[in-house]
PDB file of N, CA and C in Angstrom:
ATOM      1  N   MET A   1      20.251 -23.179  -2.033  1.00  0.00           N
ATOM      2  CA  MET A   1      20.980 -23.177  -3.280  1.00  0.00           C
ATOM      3  C   MET A   1      20.772 -21.736  -3.868  1.00  0.00           C
ATOM      4  N   ALA A   2      21.855 -21.068  -4.105  1.00  0.00           N
ATOM      5  CA  ALA A   2      22.241 -19.763  -4.511  1.00  0.00           C
ATOM      6  C   ALA A   2      23.194 -19.721  -5.468  1.00  0.00           C
ATOM      7  N   THR A   3      22.915 -18.847  -6.530  1.00  0.00           N
ATOM      8  CA  THR A   3      23.762 -18.475  -7.524  1.00  0.00           C
ATOM      9  C   THR A   3      23.748 -17.018  -8.029  1.00  0.00           C
ATOM     10  N   SER A   4      24.708 -16.478  -8.387  1.00  0.00           N
ATOM     11  CA  SER A   4      24.719 -15.030  -8.813  1.00  0.00           C
ATOM     12  C   SER A   4      24.373 -14.572  -9.995  1.00  0.00           C
ATOM     13  N   ASP A   5      23.655 -13.374 -10.077  1.00  0.00           N
ATOM     14  CA  ASP A   5      23.523 -13.043 -11.401  1.00  0.00           C
ATOM     15  C   ASP A   5      24.225 -11.959 -11.690  1.00  0.00           C
ATOM     16  N   GLU A   6      24.113 -11.186 -12.972  1.00  0.00           N
ATOM     17  CA  GLU A   6      25.100 -10.269 -13.511  1.00  0.00           C
ATOM     18  C   GLU A   6      25.307  -9.018 -12.588  1.00  0.00           C
ATOM     19  N   ARG A   7      24.242  -8.822 -11.664  1.00  0.00           N
ATOM     20  CA  ARG A   7      24.425  -7.675 -10.837  1.00  0.00           C
ATOM     21  C   ARG A   7      25.016  -8.222  -9.267  1.00  0.00           C
ATOM     22  N   GLY A   8      25.432  -9.403  -9.355  1.00  0.00           N
ATOM     23  CA  GLY A   8      26.185  -9.852  -8.056  1.00  0.00           C
ATOM     24  C   GLY A   8      25.115 -10.207  -6.819  1.00  0.00           C
ATOM     25  N   LYS A   9      23.781 -10.013  -7.152  1.00  0.00           N
ATOM     26  CA  LYS A   9      22.860 -10.570  -6.075  1.00  0.00           C
ATOM     27  C   LYS A   9      22.510 -12.029  -6.246  1.00  0.00           C
ATOM     28  N   PRO A  10      22.473 -12.651  -5.294  1.00  0.00           N
ATOM     29  CA  PRO A  10      22.177 -14.185  -5.399  1.00  0.00           C
ATOM     30  C   PRO A  10      20.558 -14.335  -5.861  1.00  0.00           C
ATOM     31  N   ARG A  11      20.560 -15.399  -6.705  1.00  0.00           N
ATOM     32  CA  ARG A  11      19.148 -15.926  -7.025  1.00  0.00           C
ATOM     33  C   ARG A  11      18.947 -17.084  -5.903  1.00  0.00           C
ATOM     34  N   VAL A  12      17.758 -17.074  -5.211  1.00  0.00           N
ATOM     35  CA  VAL A  12      17.667 -18.077  -4.029  1.00  0.00           C
ATOM     36  C   VAL A  12      16.408 -18.970  -4.305  1.00  0.00           C
ATOM     37  N   LEU A  13      16.480 -20.135  -3.922  1.00  0.00           N
ATOM     38  CA  LEU A  13      15.549 -21.157  -3.895  1.00  0.00           C
ATOM     39  C   LEU A  13      15.268 -21.427  -2.536  1.00  0.00           C
ATOM     40  N   VAL A  14      13.961 -21.193  -2.036  1.00  0.00           N
ATOM     41  CA  VAL A  14      13.741 -21.397  -0.489  1.00  0.00           C
ATOM     42  C   VAL A  14      12.905 -22.579  -0.537  1.00  0.00           C
ATOM     43  N   LEU A  15      13.502 -23.623   0.136  1.00  0.00           N
ATOM     44  CA  LEU A  15      12.749 -25.029   0.196  1.00  0.00           C
ATOM     45  C   LEU A  15      11.661 -24.788   1.695  1.00  0.00           C
ATOM     46  N   GLY A  16      10.651 -25.230   1.463  1.00  0.00           N
ATOM     47  CA  GLY A  16       9.694 -25.256   2.753  1.00  0.00           C
ATOM     48  C   GLY A  16       9.248 -23.585   2.863  1.00  0.00           C
ATOM     49  N   GLY A  17       9.173 -23.146   1.667  1.00  0.00           N
ATOM     50  CA  GLY A  17       9.097 -21.579   1.664  1.00  0.00           C
ATOM     51  C   GLY A  17       7.495 -21.171   2.116  1.00  0.00           C
ATOM     52  N   THR A  18       6.564 -22.040   2.143  1.00  0.00           N
ATOM     53  CA  THR A  18       5.189 -21.535   2.632  1.00  0.00           C
ATOM     54  C   THR A  18       4.898 -21.830   4.187  1.00  0.00           C
ATOM     55  N   GLY A  19       5.849 -22.207   4.748  1.00  0.00           N
ATOM     56  CA  GLY A  19       5.767 -22.191   6.314  1.00  0.00           C
ATOM     57  C   GLY A  19       6.132 -21.011   6.852  1.00  0.00           C
ATOM     58  N   PHE A  20       5.794 -20.858   8.293  1.00  0.00           N
ATOM     59  CA  PHE A  20       6.177 -19.565   8.996  1.00  0.00           C
ATOM     60  C   PHE A  20       7.580 -18.986   8.777  1.00  0.00           C
ATOM     61  N   ILE A  21       8.607 -19.811   9.035  1.00  0.00           N
ATOM     62  CA  ILE A  21       9.959 -19.308   8.744  1.00  0.00           C
ATOM     63  C   ILE A  21      10.187 -19.068   7.162  1.00  0.00           C
ATOM     64  N   GLY A  22       9.901 -19.723   6.484  1.00  0.00           N
ATOM     65  CA  GLY A  22      10.186 -19.572   4.882  1.00  0.00           C
ATOM     66  C   GLY A  22       9.474 -18.354   4.438  1.00  0.00           C
ATOM     67  N   ARG A  23       8.197 -18.063   4.897  1.00  0.00           N
ATOM     68  CA  ARG A  23       7.398 -16.835   3.987  1.00  0.00           C
ATOM     69  C   ARG A  23       7.911 -15.732   4.648  1.00  0.00           C
ATOM     70  N   ASN A  24       8.395 -15.619   5.772  1.00  0.00           N
ATOM     71  CA  ASN A  24       9.039 -14.519   6.498  1.00  0.00           C
ATOM     72  C   ASN A  24      10.552 -14.311   5.898  1.00  0.00           C
ATOM     73  N   LEU A  25      11.273 -15.459   5.713  1.00  0.00           N
ATOM     74  CA  LEU A  25      12.560 -15.169   5.068  1.00  0.00           C
ATOM     75  C   LEU A  25      12.317 -14.712   3.599  1.00  0.00           C
ATOM     76  N   VAL A  26      11.303 -15.094   2.964  1.00  0.00           N
ATOM     77  CA  VAL A  26      11.277 -14.696   1.443  1.00  0.00           C
ATOM     78  C   VAL A  26      10.966 -13.084   1.550  1.00  0.00           C
ATOM     79  N   THR A  27      10.050 -12.732   2.490  1.00  0.00           N
ATOM     80  CA  THR A  27       9.642 -11.332   2.855  1.00  0.00           C
ATOM     81  C   THR A  27      10.975 -10.413   3.005  1.00  0.00           C
ATOM     82  N   TYR A  28      11.541 -10.872   3.891  1.00  0.00           N
ATOM     83  CA  TYR A  28      12.968 -10.097   4.356  1.00  0.00           C
ATOM     84  C   TYR A  28      13.837  -9.850   3.160  1.00  0.00           C
ATOM     85  N   LEU A  29      14.169 -11.175   2.571  1.00  0.00           N
ATOM     86  CA  LEU A  29      15.003 -11.077   1.424  1.00  0.00           C
ATOM     87  C   LEU A  29      14.479 -10.159   0.326  1.00  0.00           C
ATOM     88  N   VAL A  30      13.329  -9.994   0.083  1.00  0.00           N
ATOM     89  CA  VAL A  30      12.740  -9.155  -0.889  1.00  0.00           C
ATOM     90  C   VAL A  30      12.652  -7.632  -0.541  1.00  0.00           C
ATOM     91  N   GLN A  31      12.187  -7.350   0.728  1.00  0.00           N
ATOM     92  CA  GLN A  31      12.191  -6.159   1.319  1.00  0.00           C
ATOM     93  C   GLN A  31      13.516  -5.527   1.263  1.00  0.00           C
ATOM     94  N   ASN A  32      14.627  -6.231   1.746  1.00  0.00           N
ATOM     95  CA  ASN A  32      15.881  -5.606   1.897  1.00  0.00           C
ATOM     96  C   ASN A  32      16.649  -5.731   0.467  1.00  0.00           C
ATOM     97  N   ASP A  33      16.037  -6.017  -0.678  1.00  0.00           N
ATOM     98  CA  ASP A  33      16.488  -6.026  -1.864  1.00  0.00           C
ATOM     99  C   ASP A  33      17.933  -6.847  -1.843  1.00  0.00           C
ATOM    100  N   LEU A  34      17.960  -8.033  -1.200  1.00  0.00           N
ATOM    101  CA  LEU A  34      19.033  -8.963  -0.909  1.00  0.00           C
ATOM    102  C   LEU A  34      19.202  -9.860  -2.066  1.00  0.00           C
ATOM    103  N   VAL A  35      18.445 -10.053  -2.972  1.00  0.00           N
ATOM    104  CA  VAL A  35      18.313 -11.065  -3.982  1.00  0.00           C
ATOM    105  C   VAL A  35      17.730 -10.484  -5.271  1.00  0.00           C
ATOM    106  N   SER A  36      18.247 -11.209  -6.321  1.00  0.00           N
ATOM    107  CA  SER A  36      17.729 -10.906  -7.624  1.00  0.00           C
ATOM    108  C   SER A  36      16.375 -11.758  -7.939  1.00  0.00           C
ATOM    109  N   LYS A  37      16.434 -12.783  -7.467  1.00  0.00           N
ATOM    110  CA  LYS A  37      15.105 -13.556  -7.881  1.00  0.00           C
ATOM    111  C   LYS A  37      15.040 -14.536  -6.651  1.00  0.00           C
ATOM    112  N   VAL A  38      13.648 -15.029  -6.297  1.00  0.00           N
ATOM    113  CA  VAL A  38      13.407 -15.918  -5.248  1.00  0.00           C
ATOM    114  C   VAL A  38      12.397 -16.966  -5.868  1.00  0.00           C
ATOM    115  N   ARG A  39      12.845 -18.199  -5.764  1.00  0.00           N
ATOM    116  CA  ARG A  39      11.876 -19.129  -6.066  1.00  0.00           C
ATOM    117  C   ARG A  39      11.669 -19.966  -4.670  1.00  0.00           C
ATOM    118  N   VAL A  40      10.196 -20.194  -4.717  1.00  0.00           N
ATOM    119  CA  VAL A  40       9.861 -20.837  -3.472  1.00  0.00           C
ATOM    120  C   VAL A  40       9.370 -22.279  -3.856  1.00  0.00           C
ATOM    121  N   ALA A  41       9.735 -23.307  -3.041  1.00  0.00           N
ATOM    122  CA  ALA A  41       9.397 -24.704  -3.228  1.00  0.00           C
ATOM    123  C   ALA A  41       8.679 -25.322  -1.870  1.00  0.00           C
ATOM    124  N   ASP A  42       7.466 -25.890  -2.062  1.00  0.00           N
ATOM    125  CA  ASP A  42       7.195 -26.470  -0.703  1.00  0.00           C
ATOM    126  C   ASP A  42       6.362 -27.985  -1.178  1.00  0.00           C
ATOM    127  N   LYS A  43       6.333 -28.894  -0.246  1.00  0.00           N
ATOM    128  CA  LYS A  43       5.696 -30.010  -0.624  1.00  0.00           C
ATOM    129  C   LYS A  43       4.193 -29.972  -0.576  1.00  0.00           C
ATOM    130  N   VAL A  44       3.820 -28.912   0.318  1.00  0.00           N
ATOM    131  CA  VAL A  44       2.338 -28.688   0.712  1.00  0.00           C
ATOM    132  C   VAL A  44       2.037 -27.233  -0.157  1.00  0.00           C
ATOM    133  N   PRO A  45       1.004 -27.208  -0.959  1.00  0.00           N
ATOM    134  CA  PRO A  45       0.635 -26.138  -1.479  1.00  0.00           C
ATOM    135  C   PRO A  45       0.392 -24.991  -0.416  1.00  0.00           C
ATOM    136  N   PRO A  46       0.865 -23.583  -0.795  1.00  0.00           N
ATOM    137  CA  PRO A  46       0.386 -22.642   0.279  1.00  0.00           C
ATOM    138  C   PRO A  46      -1.106 -22.507   0.630  1.00  0.00           C
ATOM    139  N   ALA A  47      -1.602 -22.505   1.886  1.00  0.00           N
ATOM    140  CA  ALA A  47      -2.746 -22.207   2.393  1.00  0.00           C
ATOM    141  C   ALA A  47      -2.880 -20.699   2.210  1.00  0.00           C
ATOM    142  N   LEU A  48      -3.273 -20.230   1.171  1.00  0.00           N
ATOM    143  CA  LEU A  48      -3.217 -18.713   0.940  1.00  0.00           C
ATOM    144  C   LEU A  48      -4.234 -17.867   1.816  1.00  0.00           C
ATOM    145  N   ALA A  49      -5.349 -18.640   2.419  1.00  0.00           N
ATOM    146  CA  ALA A  49      -6.141 -18.138   3.433  1.00  0.00           C
ATOM    147  C   ALA A  49      -5.314 -17.545   4.793  1.00  0.00           C
ATOM    148  N   TRP A  50      -4.169 -18.344   4.913  1.00  0.00           N
ATOM    149  CA  TRP A  50      -3.556 -18.063   6.185  1.00  0.00           C
ATOM    150  C   TRP A  50      -2.442 -17.069   6.034  1.00  0.00           C
ATOM    151  N   LEU A  51      -2.264 -16.717   4.825  1.00  0.00           N
ATOM    152  CA  LEU A  51      -1.191 -15.623   4.582  1.00  0.00           C
ATOM    153  C   LEU A  51      -1.897 -14.211   4.854  1.00  0.00           C
ATOM    154  N   ASN A  52      -1.107 -13.385   5.403  1.00  0.00           N
ATOM    155  CA  ASN A  52      -1.549 -11.881   5.554  1.00  0.00           C
ATOM    156  C   ASN A  52      -1.271 -11.284   4.145  1.00  0.00           C
ATOM    157  N   GLN A  53      -1.794 -10.076   4.071  1.00  0.00           N
ATOM    158  CA  GLN A  53      -1.904  -9.511   2.694  1.00  0.00           C
ATOM    159  C   GLN A  53      -0.563  -9.323   2.097  1.00  0.00           C
ATOM    160  N   LYS A  54       0.364  -8.874   3.035  1.00  0.00           N
ATOM    161  CA  LYS A  54       2.002  -8.681   2.511  1.00  0.00           C
ATOM    162  C   LYS A  54       2.543  -9.941   1.969  1.00  0.00           C
ATOM    163  N   HIS A  55       2.266 -11.240   2.723  1.00  0.00           N
ATOM    164  CA  HIS A  55       2.766 -12.508   2.021  1.00  0.00           C
ATOM    165  C   HIS A  55       2.077 -12.690   0.734  1.00  0.00           C
ATOM    166  N   LYS A  56       0.655 -12.456   0.638  1.00  0.00           N
ATOM    167  CA  LYS A  56       0.019 -13.029  -0.601  1.00  0.00           C
ATOM    168  C   LYS A  56       0.660 -12.071  -1.740  1.00  0.00           C
ATOM    169  N   VAL A  57       1.072 -10.884  -1.425  1.00  0.00           N
ATOM    170  CA  VAL A  57       1.603 -10.156  -2.784  1.00  0.00           C
ATOM    171  C   VAL A  57       2.794 -10.756  -2.949  1.00  0.00           C
ATOM    172  N   ARG A  58       3.671 -11.333  -2.089  1.00  0.00           N
ATOM    173  CA  ARG A  58       4.975 -11.772  -2.559  1.00  0.00           C
ATOM    174  C   ARG A  58       4.718 -13.188  -3.307  1.00  0.00           C
ATOM    175  N   PHE A  59       3.902 -13.854  -2.772  1.00  0.00           N
ATOM    176  CA  PHE A  59       3.649 -15.198  -3.359  1.00  0.00           C
ATOM    177  C   PHE A  59       2.971 -15.032  -4.711  1.00  0.00           C
ATOM    178  N   ASN A  60       2.289 -14.112  -5.076  1.00  0.00           N
ATOM    179  CA  ASN A  60       1.757 -13.842  -6.157  1.00  0.00           C
ATOM    180  C   ASN A  60       2.579 -13.118  -7.305  1.00  0.00           C
ATOM    181  N   GLY A  61       3.975 -12.902  -6.931  1.00  0.00           N
ATOM    182  CA  GLY A  61       4.880 -12.402  -7.822  1.00  0.00           C
ATOM    183  C   GLY A  61       4.695 -10.866  -8.001  1.00  0.00           C
ATOM    184  N   GLN A  62       4.011 -10.213  -7.200  1.00  0.00           N
ATOM    185  CA  GLN A  62       3.991  -8.786  -7.348  1.00  0.00           C
ATOM    186  C   GLN A  62       4.715  -8.110  -6.201  1.00  0.00           C
ATOM    187  N   MET A  63       5.161  -6.968  -6.397  1.00  0.00           N
ATOM    188  CA  MET A  63       5.865  -6.012  -5.443  1.00  0.00           C
ATOM    189  C   MET A  63       4.739  -5.104  -4.889  1.00  0.00           C
ATOM    190  N   PRO A  64       4.955  -4.794  -3.517  1.00  0.00           N
ATOM    191  CA  PRO A  64       4.054  -4.079  -2.857  1.00  0.00           C
ATOM    192  C   PRO A  64       4.312  -2.614  -3.009  1.00  0.00           C
ATOM    193  N   THR A  65       3.066  -1.927  -3.070  1.00  0.00           N
ATOM    194  CA  THR A  65       3.349  -0.430  -3.460  1.00  0.00           C
ATOM    195  C   THR A  65       3.680   0.503  -2.119  1.00  0.00           C
ATOM    196  N   GLY A  66       3.492   0.135  -1.268  1.00  0.00           N
ATOM    197  CA  GLY A  66       3.603   0.832   0.063  1.00  0.00           C
ATOM    198  C   GLY A  66       4.120   0.082   1.121  1.00  0.00           C
TER     199      GLY A  66
END
């Protein structure tokens, strides 16, 4: 599901976003500045211990510095 904001970039809801494909899709969308906002939903809470640092930053709503 996606809708556009005033800048023309879509707001995206990623279902199943804490799995391998979902978390890499979220990273790709954010790193390439393809979306204005990303929301992630999954029936299973993310096992943050399994996420690498790059993914942890994304799921905590922070932007990486480098």
